[in-house]
Protein backbone atom coordinates (compact mmCIF):
# COMPACT_ATOMS: atom_id res chain seq x y z
CA MET A 1 -19.49 16.68 -67.71
CA ARG A 2 -15.86 17.27 -68.62
CA ARG A 3 -13.76 18.59 -65.77
CA SER A 4 -11.21 21.35 -66.21
CA ARG A 5 -7.50 20.54 -66.44
CA VAL A 6 -6.48 23.69 -64.55
CA GLY A 7 -3.87 22.81 -61.92
CA LEU A 8 -1.40 24.33 -59.51
CA ALA A 9 1.24 24.66 -62.24
CA ALA A 10 -0.93 27.17 -64.14
CA ILE A 11 -1.76 29.11 -60.97
CA ALA A 12 1.90 29.19 -59.85
CA ASP A 13 3.07 30.43 -63.24
CA TRP A 14 5.32 33.47 -62.85
CA HIS A 15 3.37 35.67 -65.27
CA ASN A 16 0.08 34.75 -63.58
CA LEU A 17 1.44 35.66 -60.14
CA ALA A 18 2.84 38.97 -61.41
CA ALA A 19 -0.49 39.89 -63.00
CA ALA A 20 -2.26 38.89 -59.78
CA PHE A 21 -0.04 41.26 -57.80
CA TRP A 22 -0.92 44.23 -59.99
CA ARG A 23 -4.63 43.44 -59.79
CA ALA A 24 -4.48 43.12 -56.00
CA ALA A 25 -2.45 46.35 -55.65
CA ARG A 26 -4.77 48.41 -57.84
CA GLY A 27 -5.92 51.44 -55.82
CA LYS A 28 -3.90 50.36 -52.75
CA GLY A 29 -0.39 51.44 -53.72
CA GLN A 30 0.03 53.73 -50.68
CA ARG A 31 -0.63 51.03 -48.08
CA ASP A 32 2.31 49.81 -46.01
CA ASP A 33 1.79 46.11 -46.73
CA VAL A 34 1.62 46.78 -50.48
CA ARG A 35 4.82 48.84 -50.34
CA ARG A 36 6.66 46.11 -48.45
CA PHE A 37 5.51 43.46 -50.91
CA ARG A 38 6.50 45.58 -53.92
CA ALA A 39 9.92 46.43 -52.43
CA ASP A 40 10.85 42.72 -52.68
CA LEU A 41 8.48 41.76 -55.48
CA ASN A 42 10.64 39.07 -57.11
CA GLY A 43 11.41 37.43 -53.79
CA GLU A 44 7.79 37.52 -52.59
CA LEU A 45 6.49 36.03 -55.84
CA ALA A 46 9.21 33.36 -55.81
CA ARG A 47 8.33 32.32 -52.25
CA LEU A 48 4.61 32.32 -53.09
CA ARG A 49 5.26 30.18 -56.17
CA GLU A 50 7.37 27.70 -54.20
CA SER A 51 4.81 27.38 -51.42
CA LEU A 52 2.05 26.84 -53.98
CA LEU A 53 3.86 24.01 -55.70
CA ASP A 54 4.80 22.16 -52.49
CA GLY A 55 1.34 22.68 -50.92
CA SER A 56 2.54 24.69 -47.92
CA VAL A 57 1.05 28.08 -48.86
CA GLU A 58 -0.29 29.93 -45.82
CA VAL A 59 -3.97 30.90 -45.80
CA GLY A 60 -6.32 32.32 -43.19
CA ARG A 61 -4.54 35.52 -42.10
CA MET A 62 -7.39 38.05 -41.93
CA ARG A 63 -8.43 41.20 -40.13
CA SER A 64 -12.02 41.89 -39.15
CA PHE A 65 -13.84 45.22 -38.96
CA HIS A 66 -17.44 46.52 -38.88
CA ILE A 67 -19.13 48.63 -41.54
CA ARG A 68 -22.62 50.17 -41.68
CA ASP A 69 -22.96 51.13 -45.33
CA PRO A 70 -25.29 50.01 -46.82
CA LYS A 71 -26.11 47.76 -43.83
CA PRO A 72 -24.33 46.68 -40.62
CA ARG A 73 -22.06 43.72 -41.23
CA ILE A 74 -18.65 42.30 -40.39
CA ILE A 75 -15.94 42.26 -43.07
CA HIS A 76 -13.06 39.77 -42.95
CA ALA A 77 -10.24 41.07 -45.16
CA PRO A 78 -7.26 38.79 -45.93
CA CYS A 79 -3.69 40.05 -45.82
CA PHE A 80 -2.18 41.39 -49.03
CA ARG A 81 -0.11 38.28 -49.74
CA GLU A 82 -3.22 36.14 -49.56
CA ARG A 83 -5.09 38.59 -51.79
CA VAL A 84 -2.42 38.03 -54.42
CA LEU A 85 -3.01 34.30 -54.03
CA HIS A 86 -6.77 34.74 -54.44
CA HIS A 87 -6.33 36.76 -57.63
CA ALA A 88 -3.94 34.15 -59.02
CA VAL A 89 -6.43 31.35 -58.28
CA MET A 90 -9.46 33.17 -59.68
CA ALA A 91 -7.63 34.07 -62.89
CA HIS A 92 -7.92 30.38 -63.90
CA VAL A 93 -10.75 29.09 -61.69
CA GLY A 94 -13.11 32.05 -62.24
CA PRO A 95 -13.82 31.49 -65.97
CA VAL A 96 -14.61 27.82 -65.33
CA LEU A 97 -17.08 28.67 -62.57
CA ASP A 98 -18.57 31.54 -64.57
CA ARG A 99 -19.60 29.21 -67.39
CA ALA A 100 -21.63 27.14 -64.90
CA LEU A 101 -23.70 30.09 -63.62
CA VAL A 102 -27.12 31.11 -64.89
CA ASP A 103 -27.34 34.38 -66.79
CA ASP A 104 -29.22 36.13 -63.95
CA THR A 105 -26.31 35.76 -61.50
CA TYR A 106 -24.85 39.24 -61.00
CA ALA A 107 -22.48 39.09 -58.03
CA CYS A 108 -18.72 39.19 -58.74
CA ARG A 109 -19.06 38.81 -62.51
CA VAL A 110 -17.53 40.88 -65.29
CA GLY A 111 -20.14 43.09 -66.94
CA LYS A 112 -22.70 42.46 -64.17
CA GLY A 113 -22.90 44.03 -60.70
CA ALA A 114 -25.44 45.60 -58.36
CA LEU A 115 -26.80 48.16 -60.84
CA ALA A 116 -27.41 45.56 -63.53
CA ALA A 117 -29.14 43.35 -60.93
CA VAL A 118 -31.47 46.21 -59.91
CA LEU A 119 -32.37 46.95 -63.53
CA ARG A 120 -33.07 43.27 -64.14
CA ALA A 121 -35.26 43.06 -61.02
CA GLN A 122 -37.21 46.13 -62.16
CA HIS A 123 -37.69 44.50 -65.55
CA HIS A 124 -39.33 41.45 -63.94
CA ALA A 125 -41.20 43.35 -61.22
CA THR A 126 -44.96 43.95 -61.35
CA PRO A 127 -46.94 46.61 -59.45
CA LEU A 128 -48.56 44.00 -57.20
CA ALA A 129 -45.58 41.68 -56.77
CA LEU A 130 -45.07 40.63 -53.16
CA VAL A 131 -42.15 38.59 -51.86
CA ARG A 132 -42.88 36.35 -48.90
CA PRO A 133 -40.20 34.37 -47.06
CA ASP A 134 -40.43 30.61 -47.20
CA ARG A 135 -41.56 29.52 -43.73
CA HIS A 136 -40.65 25.90 -44.44
CA SER A 137 -37.00 26.56 -45.32
CA ARG A 138 -34.53 25.17 -42.83
CA PRO A 139 -31.16 26.79 -42.10
CA THR A 140 -28.23 24.66 -43.17
CA SER A 141 -25.23 24.06 -40.97
CA PRO A 142 -21.85 25.48 -42.03
CA ALA A 143 -20.40 21.96 -42.23
CA SER A 144 -23.02 20.74 -44.70
CA THR A 145 -22.64 23.91 -46.79
CA THR A 146 -18.86 23.43 -46.97
CA GLN A 147 -19.18 19.80 -48.00
CA THR A 148 -21.68 20.72 -50.72
CA LEU A 149 -19.36 23.41 -52.07
CA LEU A 150 -16.37 21.06 -52.15
CA ALA A 151 -18.45 18.40 -53.92
CA LEU A 152 -19.45 20.95 -56.59
CA LEU A 153 -15.82 21.97 -57.05
CA GLU A 154 -14.81 18.32 -57.56
CA ARG A 155 -17.31 18.15 -60.41
CA ARG A 156 -15.56 21.07 -62.16
CA PHE A 157 -11.84 20.40 -61.54
CA LYS A 158 -9.75 17.24 -61.61
CA ASP A 159 -6.35 18.38 -60.29
CA ARG A 160 -5.97 17.08 -56.72
CA GLY A 161 -3.49 19.77 -55.74
CA LEU A 162 -5.88 22.53 -56.81
CA LEU A 163 -8.80 20.88 -55.01
CA ALA A 164 -6.72 20.61 -51.83
CA LEU A 165 -5.85 24.32 -52.05
CA LEU A 166 -9.50 25.30 -52.60
CA ALA A 167 -10.53 23.12 -49.65
CA ARG A 168 -8.03 24.92 -47.39
CA ILE A 169 -9.27 28.34 -48.52
CA VAL A 170 -12.90 27.36 -47.93
CA ALA A 171 -12.10 25.81 -44.54
CA VAL A 172 -10.48 28.97 -43.13
CA ALA A 173 -13.19 31.30 -44.46
CA PRO A 174 -15.05 32.86 -41.48
CA ARG A 175 -18.70 32.03 -41.06
CA ARG A 176 -21.09 34.79 -41.95
CA THR A 177 -22.30 36.59 -38.88
CA ARG A 178 -24.88 39.32 -38.68
CA PRO A 179 -24.46 42.02 -36.00
CA ARG A 180 -27.35 42.76 -33.70
CA LEU A 181 -29.44 45.58 -35.10
CA ALA A 182 -31.08 48.29 -33.04
CA HIS A 183 -34.88 48.50 -33.07
CA ARG A 184 -36.18 50.96 -35.61
CA ARG A 185 -39.54 52.68 -35.48
CA PRO A 186 -41.42 52.08 -38.73
CA ASP A 187 -42.17 55.00 -41.02
CA LEU A 188 -45.96 55.29 -40.91
CA ALA A 189 -46.06 57.99 -43.58
CA ALA A 190 -44.34 55.70 -46.08
CA LEU A 191 -46.65 52.86 -45.07
CA ARG A 192 -49.75 54.99 -45.69
CA GLN A 193 -48.48 55.90 -49.15
CA LEU A 194 -47.97 52.22 -49.91
CA LEU A 195 -51.38 51.24 -48.50
CA PRO A 196 -53.71 54.21 -49.10
CA GLY A 197 -57.25 54.46 -47.81
CA ARG A 198 -59.43 56.34 -45.37
CA SER A 199 -58.84 54.07 -42.43
CA ARG A 200 -55.58 52.66 -41.18
CA PRO A 201 -54.86 49.14 -42.33
CA ALA A 202 -54.50 46.40 -39.78
CA VAL A 203 -50.74 46.35 -40.24
CA ALA A 204 -50.32 50.01 -39.30
CA ARG A 205 -52.83 49.74 -36.46
CA ARG A 206 -50.56 47.28 -34.66
CA LEU A 207 -47.47 49.50 -35.02
CA PRO A 208 -46.50 52.10 -32.36
CA ARG A 209 -47.76 55.61 -33.06
CA ALA A 210 -45.29 58.27 -34.10
CA ARG A 211 -44.53 60.86 -31.40
CA SER A 212 -43.36 63.53 -33.78
CA GLY A 213 -45.01 65.23 -36.74
CA ALA A 214 -41.72 66.23 -38.32
CA LEU A 215 -42.57 64.13 -41.34
CA HIS A 216 -45.63 66.34 -41.93
CA GLY A 217 -43.85 69.66 -41.28
CA ARG A 218 -45.39 70.20 -37.80
CA PRO A 219 -42.99 69.20 -34.99
CA GLY A 220 -44.55 68.01 -31.79
CA VAL A 221 -47.88 67.02 -33.38
CA VAL A 222 -48.92 63.45 -33.97
CA GLY A 223 -49.13 62.72 -37.70
CA ARG A 224 -52.59 62.79 -39.23
CA ARG A 225 -54.04 60.28 -41.63
CA GLN A 226 -53.22 60.91 -45.23
CA GLY A 227 -54.83 59.75 -48.42
CA PRO A 228 -53.03 58.58 -51.53
CA PRO A 229 -50.33 60.89 -52.88
CA CYS A 230 -51.16 63.33 -55.67
CA GLY A 231 -51.51 61.73 -59.05
CA THR A 232 -51.86 58.21 -57.57
CA ARG A 233 -54.95 56.06 -58.08
CA SER A 234 -55.78 53.98 -55.05
CA ILE A 235 -57.85 51.46 -56.99
CA GLY A 236 -54.74 49.75 -58.33
CA LEU A 237 -53.34 49.15 -54.85
CA ALA A 238 -56.53 47.80 -53.34
CA PRO A 239 -55.53 44.13 -53.71
CA MET A 240 -52.23 44.87 -51.98
CA ARG A 241 -54.07 46.47 -49.05
CA GLU A 242 -56.31 43.43 -48.69
CA ILE A 243 -53.30 41.10 -48.70
CA ALA A 244 -51.53 43.20 -46.06
CA CYS A 245 -54.62 43.39 -43.83
CA ASN A 246 -55.07 39.63 -43.92
């Protein structure tokens, strides 16, 4: 496997840094940090270029905040100067890494994205497809994951200065943490539509009963058993019900 010749000189090129600034500032022109950076654009880019070439560029300045859309998680956003650095690095590193990915990788790729991933999953899905987690998989430690990532990067790039910069960026990246989620009562109506039949399946029988009939249009009344929805044949979902009951 031939390794790429991309180095710090290409990343620290003046035109590459200027293009990285405009990509990082897209849609954020009214923010204070973007305005300050743009007010002294030539000086900021010159200092960033100098620190890149001598290996003293500062990384790891981030702010953390919580979001709940589409799910609760913690976001670690780097400062604007470091975002410019990331765009400058990915302008040369990204195409090399993109060529090594399989075609069904959709995250952070041009022409891909979440919608294309959903359409591809629907293309491969079958009516009776069930996804079960692997009980024998073992969680990996952050240290082993970092070492594996750095080893893969060394197989793609040969410039030692670039590899040292990538190692610093990976080292300061915060570990993924998942906030504690509140307990949610399962939706029995949706479960009955998924697993139709006269009697409740064993899965629903072990779940707590709903205290409100709002889902059926009658508040204050415990929901009644429902059959399959209109226009749905229950014979096709029988194998799924047997799998869920077991």
